[in-house]
Amino acid sequence: MSHTGARLFDEFTLREVTLRNRTVLSPMCQYSATDGLANDYHLVHLGRFALGGFGLVMAEATAVTADGRLTYGDLGLWSDDQIDPLRRIADCVRGAGARFGIQLAHAGPKAATLPPWASEPDRPASGRWEIRSVTDAPYLEGWQRPVALRSEELAAQLDLWRSAAERAHRVGADAIELHMAHGYLLHSFLSPLSNTREDNYGGSLEGRMRFPLQVVDAVRAAWPDGKPLLVRVAAVDNGTDGIDIEQTVEFARRLRALGVDAVDCSSGGYGGSYTHGIRPGYQVGWAGEIRARAGVPTVAVGLVTEPAQADAIVRDGHADLVALGREALANPSWPVHAREQLGQYDFADRFDLLPIQSRSWLAKRQRQLDRLARGERLAGGR
């Protein structure tokens, strides 16, 4: 895929969905739901990023089944009861000019864990359940042991993903992303470190890809043609063993052939301690390689903090979209500040990433700053 000379604040279209810019709020678990239901916390949490100018606001990993939750506080879409609370958020996000996405997930061997601030005595009675994975091996030593999914159970698993995608459409989501990274269920099938099965769903890369690709096929068939489907991958596992970039490029080619519109390029999951080095933009190179070799749009993520850095990722053709997580939590209006720094606007629409209710206040702020810079005294009042 060739470089098009795009900029961070240019629009980007996937299928029939156009994003106002190339910034994405990365999915971040908040562990604040009850029975998978979104609440006012999620409305405010996600709404502020839309008000802050992001192009695509992604909800956190949203479980396709109750036993696929990472913790008892995760969002879910396994029940029709969970549709209306998420629809309220979708309406809020779109009303502020952004597009709304949902990351569908099954935590697999990492399910039934605790929120990061909780300890075992805090776990409610409903906070532990039997978990399912590619095999019966725990994610790490000392973690809960899962039950291996039998081959004949996988068709029912496909129905869970398909039904969650249908509910996401009823929510009004503009895009969905399937979570296939970080040791979750679909990653556990893909990694040779976790997938030691001896049936058709294990062994070679072809066997290990089989179930994740079946999930993609089922979801794409249930998801409207005009709406984009993304997949988050672990481009490499934690160490030098396991998934490598060659396997991920081949997987991305297969994803593209099944109708996946963009690959969100993260890393890590299996293989002990992470050995690839953490530095600004440490995963961007993998996004660029997947984009070039698999011919599919990519999302770059991971220690992207500076506007010039994010803009260069798009300009240099490493990725089509740039996702921010923790940086966005620290500054929910990161796109507004970034656009000012980069100067990617006409003066008349300088504040058009902000809701119209805020623009006159920001215009006054700029006038005041300009006057202070000239050494003028300011009067009080509105």
Protein backbone atom coordinates (compact mmCIF):
# COMPACT_ATOMS: atom_id res chain seq x y z
CA MET A 1 0.00 0.00 0.00
CA SER A 2 1.63 3.21 -1.14
CA HIS A 3 2.09 6.40 0.83
CA THR A 4 -0.52 8.98 -0.11
CA GLY A 5 0.92 12.06 1.59
CA ALA A 6 -1.95 12.12 4.09
CA ARG A 7 -1.81 14.15 7.29
CA LEU A 8 -3.00 13.34 10.81
CA PHE A 9 -6.02 15.64 10.53
CA ASP A 10 -7.14 14.59 7.08
CA GLU A 11 -10.36 12.59 6.85
CA PHE A 12 -10.20 8.84 6.38
CA THR A 13 -12.89 6.58 4.96
CA LEU A 14 -13.36 2.86 5.56
CA ARG A 15 -16.27 1.45 3.55
CA GLU A 16 -19.12 3.94 4.10
CA VAL A 17 -17.78 5.41 7.35
CA THR A 18 -15.71 8.60 7.20
CA LEU A 19 -13.65 9.67 10.19
CA ARG A 20 -13.06 13.40 10.65
CA ASN A 21 -9.35 12.72 11.30
CA ARG A 22 -6.87 9.88 11.79
CA THR A 23 -6.88 9.82 15.63
CA VAL A 24 -8.37 6.85 17.49
CA LEU A 25 -9.11 6.38 21.15
CA SER A 26 -7.62 2.98 21.92
CA PRO A 27 -9.87 0.54 23.82
CA MET A 28 -9.08 0.63 27.54
CA CYS A 29 -10.83 -1.56 30.11
CA GLN A 30 -12.42 0.47 32.91
CA TYR A 31 -13.74 -2.42 35.08
CA SER A 32 -16.77 -0.34 36.04
CA ALA A 33 -19.75 -2.26 34.63
CA THR A 34 -22.25 -4.38 36.52
CA ASP A 35 -23.44 -7.51 34.70
CA GLY A 36 -21.84 -6.11 31.54
CA LEU A 37 -24.06 -3.01 31.53
CA ALA A 38 -22.67 0.40 30.61
CA ASN A 39 -23.52 3.22 32.99
CA ASP A 40 -22.99 6.96 33.51
CA TYR A 41 -19.30 6.44 34.11
CA HIS A 42 -18.85 4.98 30.63
CA LEU A 43 -20.94 7.77 29.10
CA VAL A 44 -18.71 10.46 30.60
CA HIS A 45 -15.50 8.50 30.07
CA LEU A 46 -16.09 7.91 26.34
CA GLY A 47 -18.02 11.09 25.64
CA ARG A 48 -15.14 13.32 26.71
CA PHE A 49 -12.89 11.92 23.95
CA ALA A 50 -15.50 12.67 21.32
CA LEU A 51 -15.81 16.20 22.71
CA GLY A 52 -12.01 16.38 22.67
CA GLY A 53 -11.80 15.83 18.92
CA PHE A 54 -10.92 12.17 18.33
CA GLY A 55 -11.95 10.71 14.99
CA LEU A 56 -12.89 7.23 16.25
CA VAL A 57 -13.77 6.51 19.87
CA MET A 58 -13.44 2.81 20.71
CA ALA A 59 -15.20 1.30 23.70
CA GLU A 60 -13.21 -1.10 25.83
CA ALA A 61 -12.98 -4.87 25.34
CA THR A 62 -16.65 -5.86 25.39
CA ALA A 63 -17.29 -9.50 26.16
CA VAL A 64 -19.24 -11.67 23.74
CA THR A 65 -20.19 -13.98 26.63
CA ALA A 66 -20.33 -13.59 30.39
CA ASP A 67 -17.59 -16.15 30.98
CA GLY A 68 -15.37 -14.31 28.48
CA ARG A 69 -15.01 -11.21 30.66
CA LEU A 70 -11.52 -10.31 31.81
CA THR A 71 -13.03 -9.19 35.14
CA TYR A 72 -16.48 -8.99 36.67
CA GLY A 73 -16.47 -5.25 35.82
CA ASP A 74 -16.18 -5.59 32.03
CA LEU A 75 -18.70 -4.39 29.49
CA GLY A 76 -20.65 -7.02 27.59
CA LEU A 77 -22.83 -7.60 24.55
CA TRP A 78 -24.06 -11.10 25.24
CA SER A 79 -27.56 -9.89 26.13
CA ASP A 80 -30.13 -7.60 24.54
CA ASP A 81 -30.35 -5.82 27.90
CA GLN A 82 -26.89 -4.39 27.23
CA ILE A 83 -27.87 -2.66 23.97
CA ASP A 84 -29.69 0.47 25.18
CA PRO A 85 -27.00 1.66 27.65
CA LEU A 86 -24.37 1.43 24.89
CA ARG A 87 -26.70 3.08 22.36
CA ARG A 88 -26.88 6.11 24.64
CA ILE A 89 -23.08 6.37 24.47
CA ALA A 90 -23.01 5.84 20.70
CA ASP A 91 -25.49 8.69 20.26
CA CYS A 92 -23.41 10.95 22.50
CA VAL A 93 -20.16 10.20 20.66
CA ARG A 94 -21.65 10.76 17.21
CA GLY A 95 -23.42 13.88 18.40
CA ALA A 96 -20.00 15.34 19.20
CA GLY A 97 -18.69 14.62 15.70
CA ALA A 98 -16.75 11.40 16.27
CA ARG A 99 -17.49 7.84 15.19
CA PHE A 100 -18.16 5.10 17.74
CA GLY A 101 -16.54 1.67 17.73
CA ILE A 102 -16.77 -1.37 19.98
CA GLN A 103 -13.99 -3.89 20.56
CA LEU A 104 -15.51 -7.36 20.86
CA ALA A 105 -13.51 -9.74 23.00
CA HIS A 106 -13.28 -13.04 24.82
CA ALA A 107 -10.56 -13.07 27.48
CA GLY A 108 -9.99 -16.84 27.25
CA PRO A 109 -7.32 -17.94 29.77
CA LYS A 110 -7.15 -14.43 31.26
CA ALA A 111 -10.85 -14.36 32.19
CA ALA A 112 -12.22 -14.08 35.73
CA THR A 113 -9.29 -12.01 36.97
CA LEU A 114 -9.56 -8.95 39.23
CA PRO A 115 -9.53 -5.23 38.44
CA PRO A 116 -6.01 -3.87 38.98
CA TRP A 117 -6.94 -2.06 42.19
CA ALA A 118 -8.78 -5.04 43.76
CA SER A 119 -7.46 -7.91 45.88
CA GLU A 120 -8.92 -11.35 46.44
CA PRO A 121 -11.02 -10.35 49.49
CA ASP A 122 -12.73 -7.76 47.27
CA ARG A 123 -13.97 -10.37 44.80
CA PRO A 124 -17.78 -10.69 44.87
CA ALA A 125 -19.44 -14.09 44.89
CA SER A 126 -20.26 -13.63 41.20
CA GLY A 127 -16.67 -12.65 40.37
CA ARG A 128 -15.27 -16.12 39.68
CA TRP A 129 -16.46 -18.62 37.09
CA GLU A 130 -15.26 -21.51 34.96
CA ILE A 131 -13.15 -20.20 32.09
CA ARG A 132 -12.46 -21.56 28.59
CA SER A 133 -9.37 -21.50 26.42
CA VAL A 134 -7.52 -23.19 23.59
CA THR A 135 -6.12 -25.79 26.02
CA ASP A 136 -6.38 -26.46 29.74
CA ALA A 137 -3.07 -24.73 30.49
CA PRO A 138 -3.31 -21.57 32.65
CA TYR A 139 -2.18 -18.30 31.14
CA LEU A 140 0.66 -18.07 33.65
CA GLU A 141 1.70 -20.17 36.62
CA GLY A 142 -0.71 -19.54 39.49
CA TRP A 143 -3.54 -18.31 37.26
CA GLN A 144 -6.90 -20.07 37.11
CA ARG A 145 -6.83 -23.24 35.02
CA PRO A 146 -9.24 -23.09 32.06
CA VAL A 147 -11.26 -25.84 30.42
CA ALA A 148 -10.13 -26.59 26.88
CA LEU A 149 -12.72 -25.88 24.20
CA ARG A 150 -13.60 -29.07 22.34
CA SER A 151 -13.73 -28.97 18.55
CA GLU A 152 -17.49 -29.52 18.57
CA GLU A 153 -17.97 -26.50 20.87
CA LEU A 154 -16.39 -24.02 18.49
CA ALA A 155 -19.50 -23.65 16.32
CA ALA A 156 -21.38 -22.39 19.40
CA GLN A 157 -18.51 -19.96 20.02
CA LEU A 158 -19.01 -18.59 16.50
CA ASP A 159 -22.64 -17.91 17.34
CA LEU A 160 -21.55 -15.83 20.35
CA TRP A 161 -19.36 -13.58 18.18
CA ARG A 162 -21.99 -13.33 15.48
CA SER A 163 -24.72 -12.38 17.97
CA ALA A 164 -22.52 -9.77 19.65
CA ALA A 165 -21.81 -8.18 16.24
CA GLU A 166 -25.52 -8.03 15.50
CA ARG A 167 -26.10 -6.32 18.85
CA ALA A 168 -23.28 -3.87 18.13
CA HIS A 169 -25.14 -2.87 14.96
CA ARG A 170 -28.32 -2.36 16.98
CA VAL A 171 -26.30 -0.21 19.40
CA GLY A 172 -25.45 2.02 16.44
CA ALA A 173 -21.72 1.33 16.41
CA ASP A 174 -19.98 2.60 13.30
CA ALA A 175 -17.17 0.03 13.53
CA ILE A 176 -16.21 -3.06 15.48
CA GLU A 177 -12.81 -4.48 16.30
CA LEU A 178 -12.10 -8.12 17.16
CA HIS A 179 -9.53 -8.58 19.94
CA MET A 180 -6.92 -11.13 18.84
CA ALA A 181 -3.98 -9.97 20.98
CA HIS A 182 -2.63 -9.85 24.55
CA GLY A 183 -3.30 -13.48 25.49
CA TYR A 184 -7.07 -13.32 24.94
CA LEU A 185 -8.93 -16.32 23.49
CA LEU A 186 -8.33 -15.72 19.80
CA HIS A 187 -4.66 -14.93 20.42
CA SER A 188 -4.37 -18.16 22.41
CA PHE A 189 -5.36 -20.02 19.24
CA LEU A 190 -2.88 -18.06 17.09
CA SER A 191 0.24 -18.39 19.24
CA PRO A 192 2.28 -21.60 18.98
CA LEU A 193 3.29 -21.06 22.60
CA SER A 194 -0.27 -21.51 23.86
CA ASN A 195 -1.85 -23.59 21.10
CA THR A 196 -0.59 -27.13 21.59
CA ARG A 197 -3.72 -28.75 20.21
CA GLU A 198 -3.39 -31.82 18.01
CA ASP A 199 -6.64 -31.41 16.07
CA ASN A 200 -7.41 -29.24 13.01
CA TYR A 201 -7.23 -26.10 15.18
CA GLY A 202 -3.60 -26.49 16.19
CA GLY A 203 -0.17 -27.31 14.86
CA SER A 204 0.77 -25.33 11.75
CA LEU A 205 -0.01 -21.67 11.19
CA GLU A 206 -2.87 -22.79 8.97
CA GLY A 207 -4.39 -24.79 11.81
CA ARG A 208 -3.79 -22.09 14.43
CA MET A 209 -5.41 -19.44 12.20
CA ARG A 210 -8.45 -21.61 11.47
CA PHE A 211 -10.71 -20.64 14.38
CA PRO A 212 -9.83 -16.90 14.43
CA LEU A 213 -10.50 -16.73 10.69
CA GLN A 214 -13.81 -18.54 11.19
CA VAL A 215 -14.74 -15.87 13.75
CA VAL A 216 -13.89 -13.13 11.24
CA ASP A 217 -15.95 -14.82 8.55
CA ALA A 218 -18.95 -15.21 10.87
CA VAL A 219 -18.76 -11.62 12.12
CA ARG A 220 -18.26 -10.11 8.66
CA ALA A 221 -21.38 -11.97 7.45
CA ALA A 222 -23.41 -10.56 10.37
CA TRP A 223 -21.94 -7.03 10.20
CA PRO A 224 -23.38 -4.60 7.61
CA ASP A 225 -21.39 -4.30 4.38
CA GLY A 226 -21.13 -0.53 4.77
CA LYS A 227 -19.49 -0.68 8.20
CA PRO A 228 -15.78 -1.40 8.75
CA LEU A 229 -14.39 -4.37 10.62
CA LEU A 230 -11.02 -4.06 12.38
CA VAL A 231 -8.86 -6.69 14.04
CA ARG A 232 -6.31 -6.06 16.81
CA VAL A 233 -3.32 -8.39 16.52
CA ALA A 234 -0.19 -9.08 18.49
CA ALA A 235 2.35 -8.60 15.72
CA VAL A 236 4.89 -10.51 17.81
CA ASP A 237 4.70 -12.43 21.08
CA ASN A 238 6.65 -11.34 24.15
CA GLY A 239 9.97 -12.93 23.25
CA THR A 240 11.78 -14.27 20.22
CA ASP A 241 9.65 -17.43 20.18
CA GLY A 242 5.99 -17.61 19.27
CA ILE A 243 4.26 -15.34 16.77
CA ASP A 244 6.65 -13.38 14.58
CA ILE A 245 6.12 -10.71 11.94
CA GLU A 246 6.17 -13.23 9.08
CA GLN A 247 3.23 -15.12 10.57
CA THR A 248 1.37 -11.89 11.27
CA VAL A 249 1.82 -10.61 7.72
CA GLU A 250 0.36 -13.85 6.38
CA PHE A 251 -2.49 -13.65 8.88
CA ALA A 252 -3.17 -10.04 7.84
CA ARG A 253 -3.38 -11.10 4.20
CA ARG A 254 -5.98 -13.67 5.15
CA LEU A 255 -7.88 -11.11 7.21
CA ARG A 256 -7.98 -8.71 4.25
CA ALA A 257 -9.30 -11.48 1.99
CA LEU A 258 -12.19 -12.06 4.41
CA GLY A 259 -13.20 -8.39 4.45
CA VAL A 260 -11.24 -6.93 7.35
CA ASP A 261 -10.72 -3.23 6.70
CA ALA A 262 -7.85 -2.38 9.05
CA VAL A 263 -5.39 -4.19 11.32
CA ASP A 264 -4.66 -2.62 14.72
CA CYS A 265 -1.01 -3.49 15.41
CA SER A 266 -0.14 -4.17 19.03
CA SER A 267 2.21 -6.82 20.44
CA GLY A 268 2.83 -9.13 23.37
CA GLY A 269 0.90 -11.89 25.06
CA TYR A 270 2.86 -15.12 25.42
CA GLY A 271 6.47 -16.06 26.06
CA GLY A 272 7.48 -14.66 29.44
CA SER A 273 8.86 -11.16 29.85
CA TYR A 274 8.50 -8.67 27.02
CA THR A 275 11.91 -8.45 25.31
CA HIS A 276 11.33 -6.15 22.33
CA GLY A 277 12.08 -2.90 24.13
CA ILE A 278 9.69 -0.13 25.11
CA ARG A 279 10.40 3.22 23.47
CA PRO A 280 8.31 5.93 21.77
CA GLY A 281 6.43 4.38 18.87
CA TYR A 282 7.98 0.96 19.51
CA GLN A 283 5.22 -0.87 17.56
CA VAL A 284 5.02 1.50 14.58
CA GLY A 285 7.51 -0.45 12.48
CA TRP A 286 5.35 -3.55 12.61
CA ALA A 287 2.31 -1.53 11.55
CA GLY A 288 4.26 -0.22 8.58
CA GLU A 289 5.48 -3.66 7.55
CA ILE A 290 2.01 -5.19 7.77
CA ARG A 291 0.55 -2.26 5.81
CA ALA A 292 3.14 -2.56 3.04
CA ARG A 293 3.33 -6.32 2.74
CA ALA A 294 -0.29 -7.34 3.40
CA GLY A 295 -1.85 -4.42 1.55
CA VAL A 296 -4.25 -3.58 4.35
CA PRO A 297 -4.72 -0.28 6.26
CA THR A 298 -3.20 -0.32 9.72
CA VAL A 299 -3.57 1.39 13.08
CA ALA A 300 -0.38 2.29 14.93
CA VAL A 301 -0.46 2.22 18.73
CA GLY A 302 2.00 2.24 21.61
CA LEU A 303 3.76 5.22 23.24
CA VAL A 304 2.59 7.69 20.64
CA THR A 305 2.42 10.93 22.59
CA GLU A 306 3.61 13.87 20.49
CA PRO A 307 1.63 15.49 17.65
CA ALA A 308 4.61 15.61 15.28
CA GLN A 309 5.30 11.95 15.99
CA ALA A 310 1.71 10.95 15.22
CA ASP A 311 1.62 13.08 12.08
CA ALA A 312 4.88 11.54 10.82
CA ILE A 313 3.43 8.04 11.25
CA VAL A 314 0.64 8.92 8.82
CA ARG A 315 2.75 11.06 6.46
CA ASP A 316 5.47 8.43 6.15
CA GLY A 317 2.98 5.68 5.38
CA HIS A 318 3.52 3.53 8.47
CA ALA A 319 -0.18 3.54 9.31
CA ASP A 320 -3.46 5.12 8.27
CA LEU A 321 -4.72 5.73 11.81
CA VAL A 322 -2.97 6.44 15.09
CA ALA A 323 -4.42 5.22 18.39
CA LEU A 324 -3.77 6.76 21.78
CA GLY A 325 -4.66 5.25 25.14
CA ARG A 326 -2.95 6.44 28.30
CA GLU A 327 -1.95 9.72 26.68
CA ALA A 328 -5.62 10.33 25.93
CA LEU A 329 -6.54 9.65 29.54
CA ALA A 330 -4.08 12.33 30.58
CA ASN A 331 -5.37 14.76 27.95
CA PRO A 332 -8.83 13.93 26.54
CA SER A 333 -8.56 16.94 24.20
CA TRP A 334 -5.24 15.75 22.74
CA PRO A 335 -6.49 16.16 19.13
CA VAL A 336 -7.40 19.81 19.70
CA HIS A 337 -3.97 20.63 21.11
CA ALA A 338 -2.26 18.52 18.45
CA ARG A 339 -4.06 20.28 15.64
CA GLU A 340 -3.05 23.66 17.04
CA GLN A 341 0.58 22.55 17.26
CA LEU A 342 0.60 21.13 13.76
CA GLY A 343 -1.35 24.01 12.25
CA GLN A 344 -3.48 21.63 10.18
CA TYR A 345 -6.50 23.92 9.93
CA ASP A 346 -7.76 27.02 8.23
CA PHE A 347 -7.94 29.87 10.70
CA ALA A 348 -11.72 30.14 10.34
CA ASP A 349 -12.20 26.54 11.53
CA ARG A 350 -9.41 26.52 14.07
CA PHE A 351 -11.59 25.07 16.82
CA ASP A 352 -13.93 22.92 14.73
CA LEU A 353 -12.89 19.73 16.57
CA LEU A 354 -14.61 21.12 19.65
CA PRO A 355 -18.38 21.25 20.13
CA ILE A 356 -19.91 24.51 18.97
CA GLN A 357 -20.76 25.42 22.57
CA SER A 358 -17.03 25.70 23.36
CA ARG A 359 -15.72 27.48 20.30
CA SER A 360 -16.46 31.07 21.29
CA TRP A 361 -14.73 30.48 24.64
CA LEU A 362 -11.64 29.07 22.92
CA ALA A 363 -11.62 31.93 20.45
CA LYS A 364 -11.67 34.37 23.36
CA ARG A 365 -8.86 32.43 25.04
CA GLN A 366 -6.74 32.84 21.92
CA ARG A 367 -7.49 36.54 21.68
CA GLN A 368 -6.49 36.98 25.32
CA LEU A 369 -3.26 35.03 24.84
CA ASP A 370 -2.45 37.13 21.77
CA ARG A 371 -3.04 40.34 23.71
CA LEU A 372 -0.92 39.15 26.63
CA ALA A 373 1.87 38.32 24.20
CA ARG A 374 1.68 41.95 23.00
CA GLY A 375 1.90 43.17 26.60
CA GLU A 376 -1.67 44.51 26.77
CA ARG A 377 -3.68 44.64 29.97
CA LEU A 378 -6.84 42.50 30.02
CA ALA A 379 -10.24 43.52 31.35
CA GLY A 380 -12.26 41.07 33.45
CA GLY A 381 -15.71 39.61 32.76
CA ARG A 382 -17.20 37.39 30.14
